[in-house]
Amino acid sequence: MLLIHCPYCGENRSELEFRSAHDAHIARPTNITELSDEEFVEFLYWRDNPKGVIFERWRHIHGCGRFFNAARDTVSDKFLLTYKAGEPKPDLSQIVQTNSVAAKESGK
């Protein structure tokens, strides 16, 4: 079972309590009414699907109900960090370094 840490509840809970809300930190258009249909479709539907660490929005749907952001590795499906919505995007190099140190200390 995958456990996800809710930064609001402060607990690690089953993945069944959460729902993905897709990409976090999306740059939204300043004046959406001026976009062409093609530009709007690109903004609304087209997303990168990189291999490695990505930033996503999640909702603790069967808990506090709040949205939060997470850094997740798409290869291992491991959540590296969760943080409250509205907080700035963390530095990716620090996340990877912190998790590498933790893995070495735990003997993995």
PDB file of N, CA and C in Angstrom:
ATOM      1  N   MET A   1       0.841  -1.170   0.000  1.00  0.00           N
ATOM      2  CA  MET A   1       0.000   0.000   0.000  1.00  0.00           C
ATOM      3  C   MET A   1       0.888   1.235   0.000  1.00  0.00           C
ATOM      4  N   LEU A   2       0.496   2.219  -0.784  1.00  0.00           N
ATOM      5  CA  LEU A   2       1.206   3.490  -0.878  1.00  0.00           C
ATOM      6  C   LEU A   2       0.679   4.425   0.207  1.00  0.00           C
ATOM      7  N   LEU A   3       1.589   4.980   0.999  1.00  0.00           N
ATOM      8  CA  LEU A   3       1.205   5.940   2.034  1.00  0.00           C
ATOM      9  C   LEU A   3       1.582   7.341   1.577  1.00  0.00           C
ATOM     10  N   ILE A   4       0.668   8.280   1.776  1.00  0.00           N
ATOM     11  CA  ILE A   4       0.874   9.674   1.391  1.00  0.00           C
ATOM     12  C   ILE A   4       0.751  10.527   2.643  1.00  0.00           C
ATOM     13  N   HIS A   5       1.691  11.450   2.808  1.00  0.00           N
ATOM     14  CA  HIS A   5       1.682  12.351   3.965  1.00  0.00           C
ATOM     15  C   HIS A   5       0.838  13.582   3.644  1.00  0.00           C
ATOM     16  N   CYS A   6      -0.180  13.845   4.447  1.00  0.00           N
ATOM     17  CA  CYS A   6      -0.982  15.061   4.300  1.00  0.00           C
ATOM     18  C   CYS A   6      -0.321  16.153   5.145  1.00  0.00           C
ATOM     19  N   PRO A   7       0.119  17.253   4.523  1.00  0.00           N
ATOM     20  CA  PRO A   7       0.786  18.300   5.292  1.00  0.00           C
ATOM     21  C   PRO A   7      -0.158  19.068   6.214  1.00  0.00           C
ATOM     22  N   TYR A   8      -1.457  18.932   6.023  1.00  0.00           N
ATOM     23  CA  TYR A   8      -2.423  19.611   6.891  1.00  0.00           C
ATOM     24  C   TYR A   8      -2.787  18.735   8.095  1.00  0.00           C
ATOM     25  N   CYS A   9      -3.051  17.456   7.858  1.00  0.00           N
ATOM     26  CA  CYS A   9      -3.398  16.540   8.943  1.00  0.00           C
ATOM     27  C   CYS A   9      -2.158  16.096   9.713  1.00  0.00           C
ATOM     28  N   GLY A  10      -1.007  16.105   9.026  1.00  0.00           N
ATOM     29  CA  GLY A  10       0.232  15.680   9.653  1.00  0.00           C
ATOM     30  C   GLY A  10       0.359  14.180   9.788  1.00  0.00           C
ATOM     31  N   GLU A  11      -0.392  13.424   8.996  1.00  0.00           N
ATOM     32  CA  GLU A  11      -0.376  11.961   9.091  1.00  0.00           C
ATOM     33  C   GLU A  11      -0.076  11.326   7.747  1.00  0.00           C
ATOM     34  N   ASN A  12       0.500  10.134   7.780  1.00  0.00           N
ATOM     35  CA  ASN A  12       0.656   9.308   6.593  1.00  0.00           C
ATOM     36  C   ASN A  12      -0.591   8.445   6.477  1.00  0.00           C
ATOM     37  N   ARG A  13      -1.273   8.558   5.345  1.00  0.00           N
ATOM     38  CA  ARG A  13      -2.533   7.849   5.161  1.00  0.00           C
ATOM     39  C   ARG A  13      -2.496   7.042   3.860  1.00  0.00           C
ATOM     40  N   SER A  14      -3.403   6.094   3.736  1.00  0.00           N
ATOM     41  CA  SER A  14      -3.502   5.246   2.550  1.00  0.00           C
ATOM     42  C   SER A  14      -3.801   6.071   1.306  1.00  0.00           C
ATOM     43  N   GLU A  15      -3.226   5.642   0.200  1.00  0.00           N
ATOM     44  CA  GLU A  15      -3.468   6.319  -1.073  1.00  0.00           C
ATOM     45  C   GLU A  15      -4.952   6.371  -1.445  1.00  0.00           C
ATOM     46  N   LEU A  16      -5.752   5.465  -0.883  1.00  0.00           N
ATOM     47  CA  LEU A  16      -7.179   5.425  -1.190  1.00  0.00           C
ATOM     48  C   LEU A  16      -7.918   6.665  -0.681  1.00  0.00           C
ATOM     49  N   GLU A  17      -7.305   7.405   0.245  1.00  0.00           N
ATOM     50  CA  GLU A  17      -7.930   8.614   0.791  1.00  0.00           C
ATOM     51  C   GLU A  17      -7.679   9.847  -0.072  1.00  0.00           C
ATOM     52  N   PHE A  18      -6.855   9.711  -1.115  1.00  0.00           N
ATOM     53  CA  PHE A  18      -6.410  10.873  -1.886  1.00  0.00           C
ATOM     54  C   PHE A  18      -6.822  10.771  -3.355  1.00  0.00           C
ATOM     55  N   ARG A  19      -6.884  11.930  -4.005  1.00  0.00           N
ATOM     56  CA  ARG A  19      -7.128  11.999  -5.442  1.00  0.00           C
ATOM     57  C   ARG A  19      -6.131  12.967  -6.059  1.00  0.00           C
ATOM     58  N   SER A  20      -5.597  12.573  -7.201  1.00  0.00           N
ATOM     59  CA  SER A  20      -4.671  13.438  -7.927  1.00  0.00           C
ATOM     60  C   SER A  20      -5.445  14.577  -8.588  1.00  0.00           C
ATOM     61  N   ALA A  21      -4.848  15.752  -8.551  1.00  0.00           N
ATOM     62  CA  ALA A  21      -5.427  16.910  -9.240  1.00  0.00           C
ATOM     63  C   ALA A  21      -4.452  17.412 -10.305  1.00  0.00           C
ATOM     64  N   HIS A  22      -3.559  16.539 -10.725  1.00  0.00           N
ATOM     65  CA  HIS A  22      -2.625  16.750 -11.834  1.00  0.00           C
ATOM     66  C   HIS A  22      -1.495  17.722 -11.493  1.00  0.00           C
ATOM     67  N   ASP A  23      -0.973  18.409 -12.490  1.00  0.00           N
ATOM     68  CA  ASP A  23       0.241  19.222 -12.321  1.00  0.00           C
ATOM     69  C   ASP A  23       0.065  20.370 -11.333  1.00  0.00           C
ATOM     70  N   ALA A  24       1.137  20.627 -10.577  1.00  0.00           N
ATOM     71  CA  ALA A  24       1.181  21.784  -9.677  1.00  0.00           C
ATOM     72  C   ALA A  24       2.024  22.880 -10.326  1.00  0.00           C
ATOM     73  N   HIS A  25       1.849  24.079  -9.867  1.00  0.00           N
ATOM     74  CA  HIS A  25       2.644  25.234 -10.299  1.00  0.00           C
ATOM     75  C   HIS A  25       2.513  25.513 -11.796  1.00  0.00           C
ATOM     76  N   ILE A  26       1.306  25.405 -12.322  1.00  0.00           N
ATOM     77  CA  ILE A  26       1.060  25.693 -13.735  1.00  0.00           C
ATOM     78  C   ILE A  26       0.970  27.205 -13.909  1.00  0.00           C
ATOM     79  N   ALA A  27       1.668  27.719 -14.919  1.00  0.00           N
ATOM     80  CA  ALA A  27       1.580  29.150 -15.242  1.00  0.00           C
ATOM     81  C   ALA A  27       0.302  29.364 -16.052  1.00  0.00           C
ATOM     82  N   ARG A  28      -0.664  29.992 -15.429  1.00  0.00           N
ATOM     83  CA  ARG A  28      -1.940  30.224 -16.099  1.00  0.00           C
ATOM     84  C   ARG A  28      -1.892  31.508 -16.929  1.00  0.00           C
ATOM     85  N   PRO A  29      -2.597  31.547 -18.057  1.00  0.00           N
ATOM     86  CA  PRO A  29      -2.605  32.752 -18.885  1.00  0.00           C
ATOM     87  C   PRO A  29      -3.174  33.951 -18.117  1.00  0.00           C
ATOM     88  N   THR A  30      -2.611  35.126 -18.359  1.00  0.00           N
ATOM     89  CA  THR A  30      -3.091  36.321 -17.661  1.00  0.00           C
ATOM     90  C   THR A  30      -4.455  36.766 -18.179  1.00  0.00           C
ATOM     91  N   ASN A  31      -4.687  36.615 -19.471  1.00  0.00           N
ATOM     92  CA  ASN A  31      -5.993  36.979 -20.037  1.00  0.00           C
ATOM     93  C   ASN A  31      -6.469  35.842 -20.929  1.00  0.00           C
ATOM     94  N   ILE A  32      -7.169  34.933 -20.341  1.00  0.00           N
ATOM     95  CA  ILE A  32      -7.570  33.712 -21.036  1.00  0.00           C
ATOM     96  C   ILE A  32      -8.527  33.979 -22.200  1.00  0.00           C
ATOM     97  N   THR A  33      -9.250  35.092 -22.164  1.00  0.00           N
ATOM     98  CA  THR A  33     -10.201  35.397 -23.242  1.00  0.00           C
ATOM     99  C   THR A  33      -9.508  35.759 -24.548  1.00  0.00           C
ATOM    100  N   GLU A  34      -8.223  36.089 -24.491  1.00  0.00           N
ATOM    101  CA  GLU A  34      -7.491  36.454 -25.703  1.00  0.00           C
ATOM    102  C   GLU A  34      -6.816  35.263 -26.379  1.00  0.00           C
ATOM    103  N   LEU A  35      -6.910  34.077 -25.783  1.00  0.00           N
ATOM    104  CA  LEU A  35      -6.300  32.889 -26.369  1.00  0.00           C
ATOM    105  C   LEU A  35      -7.124  32.383 -27.544  1.00  0.00           C
ATOM    106  N   SER A  36      -6.413  31.871 -28.546  1.00  0.00           N
ATOM    107  CA  SER A  36      -7.109  31.190 -29.642  1.00  0.00           C
ATOM    108  C   SER A  36      -7.594  29.845 -29.117  1.00  0.00           C
ATOM    109  N   ASP A  37      -8.458  29.199 -29.884  1.00  0.00           N
ATOM    110  CA  ASP A  37      -8.930  27.870 -29.469  1.00  0.00           C
ATOM    111  C   ASP A  37      -7.767  26.891 -29.319  1.00  0.00           C
ATOM    112  N   GLU A  38      -6.820  26.952 -30.239  1.00  0.00           N
ATOM    113  CA  GLU A  38      -5.670  26.051 -30.192  1.00  0.00           C
ATOM    114  C   GLU A  38      -4.810  26.319 -28.958  1.00  0.00           C
ATOM    115  N   GLU A  39      -4.584  27.587 -28.620  1.00  0.00           N
ATOM    116  CA  GLU A  39      -3.795  27.943 -27.441  1.00  0.00           C
ATOM    117  C   GLU A  39      -4.500  27.498 -26.157  1.00  0.00           C
ATOM    118  N   PHE A  40      -5.826  27.647 -26.126  1.00  0.00           N
ATOM    119  CA  PHE A  40      -6.578  27.236 -24.943  1.00  0.00           C
ATOM    120  C   PHE A  40      -6.525  25.728 -24.751  1.00  0.00           C
ATOM    121  N   VAL A  41      -6.672  24.979 -25.841  1.00  0.00           N
ATOM    122  CA  VAL A  41      -6.584  23.519 -25.773  1.00  0.00           C
ATOM    123  C   VAL A  41      -5.204  23.112 -25.273  1.00  0.00           C
ATOM    124  N   GLU A  42      -4.150  23.763 -25.779  1.00  0.00           N
ATOM    125  CA  GLU A  42      -2.789  23.443 -25.344  1.00  0.00           C
ATOM    126  C   GLU A  42      -2.619  23.718 -23.853  1.00  0.00           C
ATOM    127  N   PHE A  43      -3.144  24.857 -23.379  1.00  0.00           N
ATOM    128  CA  PHE A  43      -3.051  25.183 -21.951  1.00  0.00           C
ATOM    129  C   PHE A  43      -3.833  24.196 -21.094  1.00  0.00           C
ATOM    130  N   LEU A  44      -5.035  23.865 -21.522  1.00  0.00           N
ATOM    131  CA  LEU A  44      -5.929  23.056 -20.702  1.00  0.00           C
ATOM    132  C   LEU A  44      -5.574  21.567 -20.679  1.00  0.00           C
ATOM    133  N   TYR A  45      -5.156  21.030 -21.835  1.00  0.00           N
ATOM    134  CA  TYR A  45      -5.014  19.579 -21.936  1.00  0.00           C
ATOM    135  C   TYR A  45      -3.582  19.058 -22.068  1.00  0.00           C
ATOM    136  N   TRP A  46      -2.698  19.800 -22.701  1.00  0.00           N
ATOM    137  CA  TRP A  46      -1.366  19.272 -22.980  1.00  0.00           C
ATOM    138  C   TRP A  46      -0.455  19.456 -21.785  1.00  0.00           C
ATOM    139  N   ARG A  47       0.105  18.356 -21.303  1.00  0.00           N
ATOM    140  CA  ARG A  47       1.031  18.365 -20.176  1.00  0.00           C
ATOM    141  C   ARG A  47       2.230  17.495 -20.506  1.00  0.00           C
ATOM    142  N   ASP A  48       3.354  17.854 -19.909  1.00  0.00           N
ATOM    143  CA  ASP A  48       4.537  17.017 -20.037  1.00  0.00           C
ATOM    144  C   ASP A  48       4.310  15.743 -19.239  1.00  0.00           C
ATOM    145  N   ASN A  49       4.976  14.686 -19.636  1.00  0.00           N
ATOM    146  CA  ASN A  49       4.896  13.429 -18.912  1.00  0.00           C
ATOM    147  C   ASN A  49       6.324  12.909 -18.713  1.00  0.00           C
ATOM    148  N   PRO A  50       7.116  13.647 -17.912  1.00  0.00           N
ATOM    149  CA  PRO A  50       8.530  13.286 -17.790  1.00  0.00           C
ATOM    150  C   PRO A  50       8.756  12.053 -16.927  1.00  0.00           C
ATOM    151  N   LYS A  51       9.868  11.428 -17.157  1.00  0.00           N
ATOM    152  CA  LYS A  51      10.312  10.315 -16.326  1.00  0.00           C
ATOM    153  C   LYS A  51      11.170  10.920 -15.222  1.00  0.00           C
ATOM    154  N   GLY A  52      10.799  10.670 -13.976  1.00  0.00           N
ATOM    155  CA  GLY A  52      11.558  11.229 -12.857  1.00  0.00           C
ATOM    156  C   GLY A  52      10.653  12.002 -11.915  1.00  0.00           C
ATOM    157  N   VAL A  53      11.217  13.006 -11.266  1.00  0.00           N
ATOM    158  CA  VAL A  53      10.483  13.759 -10.246  1.00  0.00           C
ATOM    159  C   VAL A  53       9.585  14.813 -10.901  1.00  0.00           C
ATOM    160  N   ILE A  54       8.325  14.818 -10.468  1.00  0.00           N
ATOM    161  CA  ILE A  54       7.364  15.804 -10.942  1.00  0.00           C
ATOM    162  C   ILE A  54       6.656  16.432  -9.736  1.00  0.00           C
ATOM    163  N   PHE A  55       6.052  17.587  -9.958  1.00  0.00           N
ATOM    164  CA  PHE A  55       5.284  18.270  -8.917  1.00  0.00           C
ATOM    165  C   PHE A  55       3.804  18.184  -9.281  1.00  0.00           C
ATOM    166  N   GLU A  56       3.004  17.700  -8.336  1.00  0.00           N
ATOM    167  CA  GLU A  56       1.578  17.480  -8.579  1.00  0.00           C
ATOM    168  C   GLU A  56       0.742  18.088  -7.461  1.00  0.00           C
ATOM    169  N   ARG A  57      -0.524  18.344  -7.785  1.00  0.00           N
ATOM    170  CA  ARG A  57      -1.510  18.732  -6.776  1.00  0.00           C
ATOM    171  C   ARG A  57      -2.276  17.476  -6.384  1.00  0.00           C
ATOM    172  N   TRP A  58      -2.556  17.357  -5.105  1.00  0.00           N
ATOM    173  CA  TRP A  58      -3.343  16.240  -4.593  1.00  0.00           C
ATOM    174  C   TRP A  58      -4.394  16.788  -3.644  1.00  0.00           C
ATOM    175  N   ARG A  59      -5.446  16.008  -3.436  1.00  0.00           N
ATOM    176  CA  ARG A  59      -6.496  16.388  -2.493  1.00  0.00           C
ATOM    177  C   ARG A  59      -6.743  15.229  -1.534  1.00  0.00           C
ATOM    178  N   HIS A  60      -6.785  15.543  -0.252  1.00  0.00           N
ATOM    179  CA  HIS A  60      -7.079  14.543   0.781  1.00  0.00           C
ATOM    180  C   HIS A  60      -8.603  14.413   0.870  1.00  0.00           C
ATOM    181  N   ILE A  61      -9.164  13.784  -0.113  1.00  0.00           N
ATOM    182  CA  ILE A  61     -10.608  13.740  -0.332  1.00  0.00           C
ATOM    183  C   ILE A  61     -11.359  13.065   0.809  1.00  0.00           C
ATOM    184  N   HIS A  62     -10.805  12.006   1.406  1.00  0.00           N
ATOM    185  CA  HIS A  62     -11.474  11.289   2.491  1.00  0.00           C
ATOM    186  C   HIS A  62     -10.829  11.595   3.840  1.00  0.00           C
ATOM    187  N   GLY A  63     -10.322  12.797   3.949  1.00  0.00           N
ATOM    188  CA  GLY A  63      -9.713  13.263   5.196  1.00  0.00           C
ATOM    189  C   GLY A  63     -10.121  14.705   5.405  1.00  0.00           C
ATOM    190  N   CYS A  64      -9.135  15.598   5.414  1.00  0.00           N
ATOM    191  CA  CYS A  64      -9.415  17.021   5.660  1.00  0.00           C
ATOM    192  C   CYS A  64     -10.030  17.712   4.441  1.00  0.00           C
ATOM    193  N   GLY A  65      -9.929  17.094   3.255  1.00  0.00           N
ATOM    194  CA  GLY A  65     -10.516  17.657   2.045  1.00  0.00           C
ATOM    195  C   GLY A  65      -9.686  18.751   1.398  1.00  0.00           C
ATOM    196  N   ARG A  66      -8.511  19.028   1.916  1.00  0.00           N
ATOM    197  CA  ARG A  66      -7.705  20.142   1.411  1.00  0.00           C
ATOM    198  C   ARG A  66      -6.768  19.698   0.294  1.00  0.00           C
ATOM    199  N   PHE A  67      -6.443  20.673  -0.570  1.00  0.00           N
ATOM    200  CA  PHE A  67      -5.472  20.464  -1.632  1.00  0.00           C
ATOM    201  C   PHE A  67      -4.072  20.718  -1.098  1.00  0.00           C
ATOM    202  N   PHE A  68      -3.105  19.967  -1.605  1.00  0.00           N
ATOM    203  CA  PHE A  68      -1.701  20.193  -1.273  1.00  0.00           C
ATOM    204  C   PHE A  68      -0.865  19.795  -2.480  1.00  0.00           C
ATOM    205  N   ASN A  69       0.405  20.121  -2.447  1.00  0.00           N
ATOM    206  CA  ASN A  69       1.319  19.783  -3.534  1.00  0.00           C
ATOM    207  C   ASN A  69       2.267  18.679  -3.085  1.00  0.00           C
ATOM    208  N   ALA A  70       2.773  17.941  -4.064  1.00  0.00           N
ATOM    209  CA  ALA A  70       3.688  16.845  -3.768  1.00  0.00           C
ATOM    210  C   ALA A  70       4.754  16.742  -4.850  1.00  0.00           C
ATOM    211  N   ALA A  71       5.954  16.354  -4.450  1.00  0.00           N
ATOM    212  CA  ALA A  71       7.007  15.978  -5.386  1.00  0.00           C
ATOM    213  C   ALA A  71       7.014  14.452  -5.393  1.00  0.00           C
ATOM    214  N   ARG A  72       6.803  13.865  -6.579  1.00  0.00           N
ATOM    215  CA  ARG A  72       6.691  12.410  -6.690  1.00  0.00           C
ATOM    216  C   ARG A  72       7.577  11.918  -7.819  1.00  0.00           C
ATOM    217  N   ASP A  73       8.239  10.803  -7.587  1.00  0.00           N
ATOM    218  CA  ASP A  73       9.079  10.181  -8.604  1.00  0.00           C
ATOM    219  C   ASP A  73       8.199   9.252  -9.431  1.00  0.00           C
ATOM    220  N   THR A  74       8.098   9.518 -10.734  1.00  0.00           N
ATOM    221  CA  THR A  74       7.227   8.710 -11.591  1.00  0.00           C
ATOM    222  C   THR A  74       7.803   7.322 -11.868  1.00  0.00           C
ATOM    223  N   VAL A  75       9.090   7.123 -11.622  1.00  0.00           N
ATOM    224  CA  VAL A  75       9.701   5.808 -11.846  1.00  0.00           C
ATOM    225  C   VAL A  75       9.368   4.871 -10.685  1.00  0.00           C
ATOM    226  N   SER A  76       9.573   5.343  -9.459  1.00  0.00           N
ATOM    227  CA  SER A  76       9.343   4.504  -8.279  1.00  0.00           C
ATOM    228  C   SER A  76       7.954   4.697  -7.673  1.00  0.00           C
ATOM    229  N   ASP A  77       7.256   5.754  -8.093  1.00  0.00           N
ATOM    230  CA  ASP A  77       5.956   6.158  -7.554  1.00  0.00           C
ATOM    231  C   ASP A  77       6.073   6.605  -6.093  1.00  0.00           C
ATOM    232  N   LYS A  78       7.278   6.936  -5.667  1.00  0.00           N
ATOM    233  CA  LYS A  78       7.520   7.358  -4.286  1.00  0.00           C
ATOM    234  C   LYS A  78       7.271   8.862  -4.148  1.00  0.00           C
ATOM    235  N   PHE A  79       6.552   9.217  -3.076  1.00  0.00           N
ATOM    236  CA  PHE A  79       6.355  10.627  -2.746  1.00  0.00           C
ATOM    237  C   PHE A  79       7.586  11.095  -1.983  1.00  0.00           C
ATOM    238  N   LEU A  80       8.300  12.061  -2.537  1.00  0.00           N
ATOM    239  CA  LEU A  80       9.526  12.558  -1.920  1.00  0.00           C
ATOM    240  C   LEU A  80       9.246  13.650  -0.905  1.00  0.00           C
ATOM    241  N   LEU A  81       8.174  14.414  -1.142  1.00  0.00           N
ATOM    242  CA  LEU A  81       7.859  15.547  -0.289  1.00  0.00           C
ATOM    243  C   LEU A  81       6.428  15.975  -0.546  1.00  0.00           C
ATOM    244  N   THR A  82       5.714  16.359   0.502  1.00  0.00           N
ATOM    245  CA  THR A  82       4.414  17.013   0.343  1.00  0.00           C
ATOM    246  C   THR A  82       4.482  18.343   1.078  1.00  0.00           C
ATOM    247  N   TYR A  83       3.765  19.328   0.555  1.00  0.00           N
ATOM    248  CA  TYR A  83       3.776  20.653   1.166  1.00  0.00           C
ATOM    249  C   TYR A  83       2.452  21.354   0.874  1.00  0.00           C
ATOM    250  N   LYS A  84       2.125  22.330   1.704  1.00  0.00           N
ATOM    251  CA  LYS A  84       0.826  22.990   1.628  1.00  0.00           C
ATOM    252  C   LYS A  84       0.667  23.795   0.337  1.00  0.00           C
ATOM    253  N   ALA A  85      -0.557  23.838  -0.160  1.00  0.00           N
ATOM    254  CA  ALA A  85      -0.868  24.634  -1.340  1.00  0.00           C
ATOM    255  C   ALA A  85      -0.543  26.092  -1.053  1.00  0.00           C
ATOM    256  N   GLY A  86      -0.014  26.772  -2.031  1.00  0.00           N
ATOM    257  CA  GLY A  86       0.350  28.177  -1.869  1.00  0.00           C
ATOM    258  C   GLY A  86       1.796  28.384  -1.479  1.00  0.00           C
ATOM    259  N   GLU A  87       2.443  27.333  -0.976  1.00  0.00           N
ATOM    260  CA  GLU A  87       3.864  27.444  -0.653  1.00  0.00           C
ATOM    261  C   GLU A  87       4.666  27.373  -1.950  1.00  0.00           C
ATOM    262  N   PRO A  88       5.845  28.008  -1.983  1.00  0.00           N
ATOM    263  CA  PRO A  88       6.642  27.989  -3.216  1.00  0.00           C
ATOM    264  C   PRO A  88       7.142  26.595  -3.561  1.00  0.00           C
ATOM    265  N   LYS A  89       7.395  26.405  -4.833  1.00  0.00           N
ATOM    266  CA  LYS A  89       7.915  25.131  -5.333  1.00  0.00           C
ATOM    267  C   LYS A  89       9.308  24.905  -4.746  1.00  0.00           C
ATOM    268  N   PRO A  90       9.534  23.772  -4.086  1.00  0.00           N
ATOM    269  CA  PRO A  90      10.845  23.490  -3.491  1.00  0.00           C
ATOM    270  C   PRO A  90      11.923  23.286  -4.556  1.00  0.00           C
ATOM    271  N   ASP A  91      13.165  23.470  -4.145  1.00  0.00           N
ATOM    272  CA  ASP A  91      14.306  23.244  -5.016  1.00  0.00           C
ATOM    273  C   ASP A  91      14.475  21.743  -5.237  1.00  0.00           C
ATOM    274  N   LEU A  92      14.383  21.318  -6.472  1.00  0.00           N
ATOM    275  CA  LEU A  92      14.430  19.898  -6.816  1.00  0.00           C
ATOM    276  C   LEU A  92      15.749  19.249  -6.406  1.00  0.00           C
ATOM    277  N   SER A  93      16.862  19.952  -6.541  1.00  0.00           N
ATOM    278  CA  SER A  93      18.153  19.354  -6.194  1.00  0.00           C
ATOM    279  C   SER A  93      18.232  19.047  -4.699  1.00  0.00           C
ATOM    280  N   GLN A  94      17.643  19.877  -3.858  1.00  0.00           N
ATOM    281  CA  GLN A  94      17.642  19.620  -2.418  1.00  0.00           C
ATOM    282  C   GLN A  94      16.766  18.419  -2.066  1.00  0.00           C
ATOM    283  N   ILE A  95      15.643  18.268  -2.764  1.00  0.00           N
ATOM    284  CA  ILE A  95      14.746  17.127  -2.515  1.00  0.00           C
ATOM    285  C   ILE A  95      15.464  15.824  -2.840  1.00  0.00           C
ATOM    286  N   VAL A  96      16.095  15.766  -4.000  1.00  0.00           N
ATOM    287  CA  VAL A  96      16.790  14.555  -4.430  1.00  0.00           C
ATOM    288  C   VAL A  96      17.951  14.256  -3.486  1.00  0.00           C
ATOM    289  N   GLN A  97      18.711  15.285  -3.100  1.00  0.00           N
ATOM    290  CA  GLN A  97      19.847  15.087  -2.204  1.00  0.00           C
ATOM    291  C   GLN A  97      19.381  14.598  -0.831  1.00  0.00           C
ATOM    292  N   THR A  98      18.328  15.198  -0.279  1.00  0.00           N
ATOM    293  CA  THR A  98      17.809  14.805   1.019  1.00  0.00           C
ATOM    294  C   THR A  98      17.358  13.349   1.013  1.00  0.00           C
ATOM    295  N   ASN A  99      16.658  12.964  -0.052  1.00  0.00           N
ATOM    296  CA  ASN A  99      16.168  11.578  -0.140  1.00  0.00           C
ATOM    297  C   ASN A  99      17.306  10.587  -0.379  1.00  0.00           C
ATOM    298  N   SER A 100      18.369  10.997  -1.066  1.00  0.00           N
ATOM    299  CA  SER A 100      19.532  10.118  -1.267  1.00  0.00           C
ATOM    300  C   SER A 100      20.223   9.850   0.059  1.00  0.00           C
ATOM    301  N   VAL A 101      20.374  10.890   0.869  1.00  0.00           N
ATOM    302  CA  VAL A 101      20.999  10.742   2.182  1.00  0.00           C
ATOM    303  C   VAL A 101      20.149   9.835   3.063  1.00  0.00           C
ATOM    304  N   ALA A 102      18.834  10.037   3.062  1.00  0.00           N
ATOM    305  CA  ALA A 102      17.935   9.221   3.878  1.00  0.00           C
ATOM    306  C   ALA A 102      17.988   7.755   3.459  1.00  0.00           C
ATOM    307  N   ALA A 103      18.069   7.499   2.147  1.00  0.00           N
ATOM    308  CA  ALA A 103      18.136   6.116   1.657  1.00  0.00           C
ATOM    309  C   ALA A 103      19.438   5.452   2.103  1.00  0.00           C
ATOM    310  N   LYS A 104      20.555   6.192   2.061  1.00  0.00           N
ATOM    311  CA  LYS A 104      21.843   5.640   2.482  1.00  0.00           C
ATOM    312  C   LYS A 104      21.838   5.330   3.976  1.00  0.00           C
ATOM    313  N   GLU A 105      21.222   6.225   4.765  1.00  0.00           N
ATOM    314  CA  GLU A 105      21.172   6.027   6.208  1.00  0.00           C
ATOM    315  C   GLU A 105      20.301   4.838   6.596  1.00  0.00           C
ATOM    316  N   SER A 106      19.282   4.560   5.785  1.00  0.00           N
ATOM    317  CA  SER A 106      18.400   3.431   6.104  1.00  0.00           C
ATOM    318  C   SER A 106      18.934   2.116   5.541  1.00  0.00           C
ATOM    319  N   GLY A 107      20.083   2.192   4.822  1.00  0.00           N
ATOM    320  CA  GLY A 107      20.707   0.969   4.319  1.00  0.00           C
ATOM    321  C   GLY A 107      20.168   0.481   2.993  1.00  0.00           C
ATOM    322  N   LYS A 108      19.473   1.323   2.254  1.00  0.00           N
ATOM    323  CA  LYS A 108      18.906   0.905   0.954  1.00  0.00           C
ATOM    324  C   LYS A 108      19.879   1.167  -0.171  1.00  0.00           C
TER     325      LYS A 108
END
